[in-house]
Amino acid sequence: LYYDIPYINKIITENGWYRTRVLILNPRECYTYHKDPTPRMHIPVNTYEGCMFILDDEVIKMEEEGTVYWIETTYPHLALNGSREKRIHIVGCV
């Protein structure tokens, strides 16, 4: 299913992504506050009002589905889904 998606494959290749995956955050859930060893790039697939990313105490809203967001995830951060729908992002390490 995920192997023949030209737009996503182009972004992965152009940006040298590795360990690329689809992350699903269920309604009313939150990832723990943590740091990653490398920055990440996010492409929101499904996102809604109430979904946010908190990076080093700054709220970042990735509201444009299909847009690539470069995030410095080596700083403390978390993601939360305050909506009633699943939040889905494609995320790649850079």
N, C-alpha and C. Protein backbone atom coordinates (compact mmCIF):
# COMPACT_ATOMS: atom_id res chain seq x y z
N LEU A 1 0.81 -1.20 0.00
CA LEU A 1 0.00 0.00 0.00
C LEU A 1 0.86 1.27 0.00
N TYR A 2 1.90 1.31 0.81
CA TYR A 2 2.68 2.54 0.95
C TYR A 2 3.85 2.64 0.00
N TYR A 3 4.06 1.64 -0.86
CA TYR A 3 5.24 1.65 -1.70
C TYR A 3 5.06 2.46 -2.98
N ASP A 4 3.86 2.60 -3.49
CA ASP A 4 3.64 3.29 -4.75
C ASP A 4 2.89 4.59 -4.53
N ILE A 5 3.53 5.52 -3.84
CA ILE A 5 2.95 6.85 -3.62
C ILE A 5 4.00 7.88 -4.06
N PRO A 6 3.95 8.29 -5.31
CA PRO A 6 5.01 9.11 -5.91
C PRO A 6 5.35 10.38 -5.12
N TYR A 7 4.37 11.11 -4.64
CA TYR A 7 4.65 12.36 -3.91
C TYR A 7 5.49 12.07 -2.67
N ILE A 8 5.08 11.11 -1.87
CA ILE A 8 5.79 10.77 -0.64
C ILE A 8 7.17 10.20 -0.96
N ASN A 9 7.26 9.31 -1.94
CA ASN A 9 8.55 8.73 -2.32
C ASN A 9 9.52 9.81 -2.79
N LYS A 10 9.02 10.81 -3.50
CA LYS A 10 9.86 11.92 -3.96
C LYS A 10 10.41 12.70 -2.77
N ILE A 11 9.57 12.99 -1.80
CA ILE A 11 10.01 13.72 -0.61
C ILE A 11 11.04 12.91 0.17
N ILE A 12 10.80 11.62 0.32
CA ILE A 12 11.75 10.75 1.04
C ILE A 12 13.11 10.79 0.36
N THR A 13 13.12 10.67 -0.96
CA THR A 13 14.37 10.66 -1.72
C THR A 13 15.06 12.03 -1.68
N GLU A 14 14.33 13.10 -1.96
CA GLU A 14 14.90 14.44 -2.01
C GLU A 14 15.50 14.88 -0.67
N ASN A 15 14.92 14.45 0.42
CA ASN A 15 15.36 14.90 1.74
C ASN A 15 16.21 13.88 2.49
N GLY A 16 16.49 12.75 1.85
CA GLY A 16 17.33 11.73 2.48
C GLY A 16 16.74 11.14 3.74
N TRP A 17 15.42 10.99 3.76
CA TRP A 17 14.77 10.41 4.93
C TRP A 17 15.19 8.96 5.11
N TYR A 18 15.25 8.55 6.34
CA TYR A 18 15.39 7.14 6.67
C TYR A 18 14.47 6.88 7.85
N ARG A 19 14.21 5.64 8.12
CA ARG A 19 13.26 5.26 9.19
C ARG A 19 11.96 6.06 9.06
N THR A 20 11.41 6.00 7.89
CA THR A 20 10.15 6.69 7.60
C THR A 20 8.98 5.81 8.01
N ARG A 21 7.97 6.43 8.61
CA ARG A 21 6.84 5.63 9.09
C ARG A 21 5.57 6.47 9.14
N VAL A 22 4.46 5.79 9.32
CA VAL A 22 3.16 6.44 9.49
C VAL A 22 2.86 6.40 10.99
N LEU A 23 2.62 7.57 11.57
CA LEU A 23 2.28 7.65 12.99
C LEU A 23 0.81 8.02 13.14
N ILE A 24 0.12 7.26 13.96
CA ILE A 24 -1.30 7.50 14.22
C ILE A 24 -1.45 7.83 15.70
N LEU A 25 -2.04 8.98 15.96
CA LEU A 25 -2.32 9.39 17.34
C LEU A 25 -3.84 9.41 17.50
N ASN A 26 -4.33 8.55 18.33
CA ASN A 26 -5.77 8.42 18.53
C ASN A 26 -6.37 9.65 19.21
N PRO A 27 -7.68 9.82 19.08
CA PRO A 27 -8.34 10.95 19.73
C PRO A 27 -8.07 10.99 21.23
N ARG A 28 -7.88 12.19 21.72
CA ARG A 28 -7.68 12.45 23.16
C ARG A 28 -6.46 11.72 23.73
N GLU A 29 -5.41 11.52 22.89
CA GLU A 29 -4.18 10.91 23.36
C GLU A 29 -3.01 11.87 23.18
N CYS A 30 -1.90 11.55 23.86
CA CYS A 30 -0.72 12.40 23.85
C CYS A 30 0.53 11.52 23.92
N TYR A 31 1.55 11.88 23.14
CA TYR A 31 2.85 11.22 23.28
C TYR A 31 3.57 11.81 24.48
N THR A 32 4.42 11.05 25.11
CA THR A 32 5.17 11.54 26.25
C THR A 32 6.18 12.61 25.83
N TYR A 33 6.54 13.45 26.76
CA TYR A 33 7.53 14.50 26.56
C TYR A 33 8.89 13.82 26.41
N HIS A 34 9.58 14.05 25.28
CA HIS A 34 10.83 13.35 25.01
C HIS A 34 11.68 14.12 24.00
N LYS A 35 12.89 13.64 23.75
CA LYS A 35 13.79 14.16 22.72
C LYS A 35 14.11 13.02 21.77
N ASP A 36 14.33 13.35 20.49
CA ASP A 36 14.76 12.36 19.51
C ASP A 36 16.24 12.59 19.19
N PRO A 37 16.94 11.57 18.71
CA PRO A 37 18.36 11.74 18.40
C PRO A 37 18.62 12.57 17.14
N THR A 38 17.63 12.69 16.26
CA THR A 38 17.79 13.48 15.02
C THR A 38 16.52 14.27 14.78
N PRO A 39 16.59 15.33 13.95
CA PRO A 39 15.37 16.05 13.58
C PRO A 39 14.44 15.15 12.77
N ARG A 40 13.19 15.56 12.67
CA ARG A 40 12.17 14.83 11.92
C ARG A 40 11.48 15.77 10.93
N MET A 41 10.96 15.18 9.86
CA MET A 41 10.09 15.90 8.94
C MET A 41 8.73 15.23 9.01
N HIS A 42 7.69 16.04 9.07
CA HIS A 42 6.31 15.55 9.19
C HIS A 42 5.51 15.95 7.95
N ILE A 43 4.67 15.05 7.51
CA ILE A 43 3.65 15.36 6.52
C ILE A 43 2.32 14.97 7.14
N PRO A 44 1.51 15.95 7.55
CA PRO A 44 0.18 15.60 8.07
C PRO A 44 -0.68 15.01 6.96
N VAL A 45 -1.28 13.87 7.23
CA VAL A 45 -2.20 13.22 6.30
C VAL A 45 -3.63 13.57 6.73
N ASN A 46 -3.92 13.38 8.00
CA ASN A 46 -5.19 13.79 8.60
C ASN A 46 -4.86 14.57 9.86
N THR A 47 -5.32 15.79 9.94
CA THR A 47 -5.11 16.60 11.14
C THR A 47 -6.34 17.46 11.35
N TYR A 48 -6.56 17.85 12.58
CA TYR A 48 -7.80 18.53 12.94
C TYR A 48 -7.52 19.61 13.96
N GLU A 49 -8.49 20.49 14.15
CA GLU A 49 -8.40 21.48 15.22
C GLU A 49 -8.26 20.70 16.53
N GLY A 50 -7.37 21.13 17.37
CA GLY A 50 -7.12 20.42 18.62
C GLY A 50 -5.90 19.51 18.56
N CYS A 51 -5.34 19.34 17.35
CA CYS A 51 -4.10 18.59 17.22
C CYS A 51 -2.95 19.58 17.27
N MET A 52 -1.97 19.29 18.10
CA MET A 52 -0.83 20.21 18.18
C MET A 52 0.44 19.48 18.57
N PHE A 53 1.53 20.16 18.32
CA PHE A 53 2.86 19.67 18.60
C PHE A 53 3.49 20.72 19.50
N ILE A 54 4.00 20.32 20.63
CA ILE A 54 4.61 21.27 21.56
C ILE A 54 6.10 20.98 21.58
N LEU A 55 6.87 21.98 21.15
CA LEU A 55 8.32 21.86 21.03
C LEU A 55 8.97 22.86 21.97
N ASP A 56 9.64 22.34 22.99
CA ASP A 56 10.35 23.20 23.94
C ASP A 56 9.43 24.33 24.43
N ASP A 57 8.21 23.98 24.78
CA ASP A 57 7.18 24.88 25.32
C ASP A 57 6.54 25.82 24.28
N GLU A 58 6.81 25.62 22.99
CA GLU A 58 6.16 26.40 21.92
C GLU A 58 5.15 25.51 21.22
N VAL A 59 3.93 26.01 21.03
CA VAL A 59 2.89 25.25 20.33
C VAL A 59 3.05 25.43 18.83
N ILE A 60 3.14 24.31 18.12
CA ILE A 60 3.24 24.31 16.66
C ILE A 60 2.03 23.57 16.13
N LYS A 61 1.30 24.21 15.24
CA LYS A 61 0.15 23.55 14.62
C LYS A 61 0.51 23.24 13.17
N MET A 62 0.54 21.98 12.84
CA MET A 62 0.80 21.53 11.48
C MET A 62 -0.56 21.31 10.83
N GLU A 63 -1.14 22.39 10.33
CA GLU A 63 -2.54 22.39 9.89
C GLU A 63 -2.75 22.04 8.42
N GLU A 64 -1.71 22.15 7.61
CA GLU A 64 -1.85 21.94 6.17
C GLU A 64 -1.54 20.50 5.80
N GLU A 65 -2.56 19.72 5.53
CA GLU A 65 -2.37 18.33 5.13
C GLU A 65 -1.58 18.28 3.82
N GLY A 66 -0.60 17.38 3.74
CA GLY A 66 0.23 17.23 2.55
C GLY A 66 1.43 18.15 2.50
N THR A 67 1.57 19.04 3.47
CA THR A 67 2.69 19.97 3.54
C THR A 67 3.81 19.33 4.36
N VAL A 68 5.06 19.59 3.97
CA VAL A 68 6.21 19.06 4.70
C VAL A 68 6.63 20.07 5.77
N TYR A 69 6.75 19.61 7.00
CA TYR A 69 7.19 20.43 8.13
C TYR A 69 8.50 19.86 8.67
N TRP A 70 9.53 20.68 8.73
CA TRP A 70 10.80 20.27 9.34
C TRP A 70 10.75 20.67 10.80
N ILE A 71 10.97 19.70 11.70
CA ILE A 71 10.85 19.94 13.14
C ILE A 71 12.15 19.53 13.83
N GLU A 72 12.68 20.41 14.66
CA GLU A 72 13.90 20.13 15.42
C GLU A 72 13.56 19.32 16.66
N THR A 73 13.37 18.03 16.46
CA THR A 73 12.90 17.17 17.54
C THR A 73 14.01 16.70 18.48
N THR A 74 15.21 17.28 18.35
CA THR A 74 16.26 16.98 19.32
C THR A 74 16.03 17.78 20.61
N TYR A 75 15.08 18.73 20.57
CA TYR A 75 14.65 19.46 21.76
C TYR A 75 13.44 18.75 22.37
N PRO A 76 13.17 18.96 23.65
CA PRO A 76 12.01 18.31 24.27
C PRO A 76 10.71 18.68 23.55
N HIS A 77 9.87 17.66 23.33
CA HIS A 77 8.62 17.89 22.60
C HIS A 77 7.61 16.80 22.93
N LEU A 78 6.37 17.07 22.53
CA LEU A 78 5.30 16.08 22.60
C LEU A 78 4.26 16.43 21.55
N ALA A 79 3.42 15.48 21.23
CA ALA A 79 2.30 15.70 20.31
C ALA A 79 1.03 15.30 21.04
N LEU A 80 -0.03 16.05 20.78
CA LEU A 80 -1.30 15.67 21.38
C LEU A 80 -2.42 15.82 20.37
N ASN A 81 -3.43 14.99 20.58
CA ASN A 81 -4.60 15.00 19.72
C ASN A 81 -5.82 15.27 20.60
N GLY A 82 -6.27 16.51 20.59
CA GLY A 82 -7.44 16.90 21.36
C GLY A 82 -8.72 16.84 20.55
N SER A 83 -8.65 16.19 19.37
CA SER A 83 -9.84 16.10 18.52
C SER A 83 -10.56 14.77 18.76
N ARG A 84 -11.60 14.55 17.98
CA ARG A 84 -12.36 13.29 18.06
C ARG A 84 -12.02 12.35 16.90
N GLU A 85 -10.98 12.69 16.12
CA GLU A 85 -10.58 11.90 14.96
C GLU A 85 -9.11 11.49 15.11
N LYS A 86 -8.69 10.46 14.37
CA LYS A 86 -7.29 10.04 14.38
C LYS A 86 -6.42 11.07 13.67
N ARG A 87 -5.31 11.41 14.29
CA ARG A 87 -4.30 12.28 13.67
C ARG A 87 -3.28 11.34 13.02
N ILE A 88 -3.04 11.53 11.73
CA ILE A 88 -2.12 10.66 10.99
C ILE A 88 -1.05 11.53 10.33
N HIS A 89 0.21 11.20 10.59
CA HIS A 89 1.35 11.89 9.97
C HIS A 89 2.30 10.85 9.39
N ILE A 90 2.93 11.21 8.28
CA ILE A 90 4.07 10.46 7.77
C ILE A 90 5.29 11.19 8.31
N VAL A 91 6.19 10.45 8.96
CA VAL A 91 7.33 11.06 9.64
C VAL A 91 8.61 10.37 9.19
N GLY A 92 9.61 11.19 8.87
CA GLY A 92 10.90 10.66 8.47
C GLY A 92 12.03 11.29 9.26
N CYS A 93 13.02 10.48 9.60
CA CYS A 93 14.23 10.98 10.26
C CYS A 93 15.11 11.63 9.21
N VAL A 94 15.77 12.72 9.60
CA VAL A 94 16.69 13.42 8.68
C VAL A 94 18.02 13.63 9.36
